[in-house]
Amino acid sequence: MPARKRTSTRSGGQKVGPGNPPRHRQFRKGASGNPKGRPKGSKNLSTLIMEAARDRVSATIGGRTRSISKIQATAMQLATKAAGGDQAAIGKFLDWVDEFETRASAVKPSQFPLTAADIEVIHAVYERMKECDREQSAE
């Protein structure tokens, strides 16, 4: 038999027990339960890295200077190294391309052929809908 929670009522009608701490022990409005915790506005590592990746840099592309993101510049450098024959860059670049193509194909709805029975059902539903339209227009 499970143990019952002990909850008592103090003078003034306030419940005290598990999940109901005494009023003087409860957090004050606007006060944090962890005042020495992470400060507001501080950023975690993934946020800092993504901000750095989105920073803009100047790059000369096709004889023209353009402003592109660091992540775009990095991808272009990897592709250039791979095209130049760097085996490590080739492997990494092709792995990334394969992963992105796999993701893209997983997102697309799969094409499925309709069987003769499927087409028959669709035709029957269509005919019933036409009958309903005729009945409504006759009224």
Protein backbone atom coordinates (compact mmCIF):
# COMPACT_ATOMS: atom_id res chain seq x y z
CA MET A 1 0.00 0.00 0.00
CA PRO A 2 1.54 3.35 -1.04
CA ALA A 3 2.40 5.87 1.63
CA ARG A 4 0.01 8.79 1.87
CA LYS A 5 1.27 12.30 1.45
CA ARG A 6 1.16 14.22 4.66
CA THR A 7 -0.46 17.57 4.22
CA SER A 8 -1.52 19.65 7.12
CA THR A 9 -3.40 22.89 7.33
CA ARG A 10 -1.92 25.74 9.32
CA SER A 11 -3.84 28.47 11.01
CA GLY A 12 -4.99 30.80 8.28
CA GLY A 13 -6.08 27.89 6.06
CA GLN A 14 -2.71 27.44 4.28
CA LYS A 15 -1.79 23.87 3.28
CA VAL A 16 1.74 22.81 4.20
CA GLY A 17 3.47 19.63 3.04
CA PRO A 18 5.00 18.12 -0.08
CA GLY A 19 4.42 20.54 -2.97
CA ASN A 20 3.08 23.19 -0.57
CA PRO A 21 5.99 24.86 1.23
CA PRO A 22 5.28 27.36 4.01
CA ARG A 23 4.71 30.88 2.76
CA HIS A 24 7.99 32.21 4.24
CA ARG A 25 9.99 29.54 2.29
CA GLN A 26 8.36 30.20 -1.10
CA PHE A 27 10.14 32.22 -3.81
CA ARG A 28 9.33 35.90 -3.85
CA LYS A 29 7.65 37.30 -6.98
CA GLY A 30 10.27 38.26 -9.57
CA ALA A 31 13.08 36.48 -7.71
CA SER A 32 14.87 33.56 -9.33
CA GLY A 33 15.07 30.16 -7.71
CA ASN A 34 18.71 30.04 -8.84
CA PRO A 35 20.16 33.56 -8.49
CA LYS A 36 23.72 32.43 -9.30
CA GLY A 37 22.57 30.51 -12.39
CA ARG A 38 23.17 31.31 -16.04
CA PRO A 39 22.79 35.06 -16.61
CA LYS A 40 20.12 36.34 -18.97
CA GLY A 41 21.39 36.90 -22.48
CA SER A 42 24.32 34.51 -22.19
CA LYS A 43 24.73 32.24 -25.20
CA ASN A 44 25.53 28.56 -25.44
CA LEU A 45 28.26 27.12 -27.68
CA SER A 46 25.99 26.20 -30.59
CA THR A 47 24.61 29.74 -30.72
CA LEU A 48 28.11 31.24 -30.70
CA ILE A 49 29.29 28.90 -33.45
CA MET A 50 26.26 29.59 -35.65
CA GLU A 51 26.72 33.34 -35.20
CA ALA A 52 30.37 32.99 -36.22
CA ALA A 53 29.34 30.90 -39.25
CA ARG A 54 26.89 33.61 -40.36
CA ASP A 55 29.46 36.42 -40.09
CA ARG A 56 30.24 38.03 -43.44
CA VAL A 57 33.66 38.05 -45.14
CA SER A 58 34.91 39.51 -48.42
CA ALA A 59 35.79 36.98 -51.10
CA THR A 60 36.89 37.35 -54.69
CA ILE A 61 34.71 35.15 -56.87
CA GLY A 62 35.12 35.29 -60.65
CA GLY A 63 37.26 38.43 -60.40
CA ARG A 64 34.66 40.32 -58.35
CA THR A 65 34.74 40.99 -54.61
CA ARG A 66 31.59 39.82 -52.89
CA SER A 67 30.40 39.64 -49.29
CA ILE A 68 29.52 36.05 -48.33
CA SER A 69 29.00 34.18 -45.05
CA LYS A 70 31.90 32.31 -43.48
CA ILE A 71 30.03 29.04 -43.83
CA GLN A 72 29.59 29.68 -47.55
CA ALA A 73 33.29 30.57 -47.89
CA THR A 74 34.23 27.38 -46.03
CA ALA A 75 32.04 25.24 -48.29
CA MET A 76 33.56 26.87 -51.37
CA GLN A 77 37.09 26.26 -50.06
CA LEU A 78 36.28 22.60 -49.36
CA ALA A 79 34.85 22.18 -52.87
CA THR A 80 37.90 23.88 -54.40
CA LYS A 81 40.29 21.61 -52.46
CA ALA A 82 38.28 18.55 -53.50
CA ALA A 83 38.34 19.65 -57.15
CA GLY A 84 42.12 20.13 -56.82
CA GLY A 85 42.58 16.47 -55.87
CA ASP A 86 42.94 16.62 -52.06
CA GLN A 87 41.82 13.09 -51.06
CA ALA A 88 40.64 14.07 -47.57
CA ALA A 89 38.64 16.99 -48.99
CA ILE A 90 37.16 14.77 -51.70
CA GLY A 91 35.97 12.24 -49.11
CA LYS A 92 34.50 14.86 -46.80
CA PHE A 93 32.87 16.79 -49.63
CA LEU A 94 31.25 13.70 -51.17
CA ASP A 95 30.05 12.54 -47.73
CA TRP A 96 28.33 15.89 -47.21
CA VAL A 97 26.77 15.84 -50.69
CA ASP A 98 25.50 12.29 -50.12
CA GLU A 99 24.02 13.20 -46.73
CA PHE A 100 22.20 16.25 -48.09
CA GLU A 101 20.84 14.31 -51.08
CA THR A 102 19.64 11.55 -48.75
CA ARG A 103 17.87 14.09 -46.56
CA ALA A 104 16.28 15.78 -49.57
CA SER A 105 14.99 12.50 -50.99
CA ALA A 106 13.54 11.53 -47.59
CA VAL A 107 11.53 14.76 -47.48
CA LYS A 108 9.93 14.31 -50.90
CA PRO A 109 6.66 12.40 -50.87
CA SER A 110 7.11 8.99 -52.37
CA GLN A 111 5.51 8.42 -55.75
CA PHE A 112 3.33 5.33 -55.86
CA PRO A 113 1.60 3.79 -58.83
CA LEU A 114 -2.17 3.47 -58.79
CA THR A 115 -3.57 0.02 -59.36
CA ALA A 116 -6.65 -0.67 -61.45
CA ALA A 117 -8.64 -1.18 -58.22
CA ASP A 118 -7.50 2.24 -56.94
CA ILE A 119 -8.61 3.94 -60.14
CA GLU A 120 -11.96 2.15 -59.97
CA VAL A 121 -12.55 3.42 -56.41
CA ILE A 122 -11.59 6.98 -57.38
CA HIS A 123 -13.96 6.82 -60.38
CA ALA A 124 -16.84 5.55 -58.18
CA VAL A 125 -16.30 8.35 -55.66
CA TYR A 126 -16.22 10.90 -58.48
CA GLU A 127 -19.50 9.59 -59.92
CA ARG A 128 -21.19 9.77 -56.48
CA MET A 129 -20.01 13.34 -56.04
CA LYS A 130 -21.48 14.27 -59.44
CA GLU A 131 -24.82 12.70 -58.38
CA CYS A 132 -24.83 14.78 -55.19
CA ASP A 133 -24.19 17.93 -57.23
CA ARG A 134 -27.09 17.08 -59.55
CA GLU A 135 -29.43 16.49 -56.61
CA GLN A 136 -28.47 19.81 -55.01
CA SER A 137 -28.94 21.75 -58.24
CA ALA A 138 -32.37 20.11 -58.78
CA GLU A 139 -33.64 21.33 -55.41
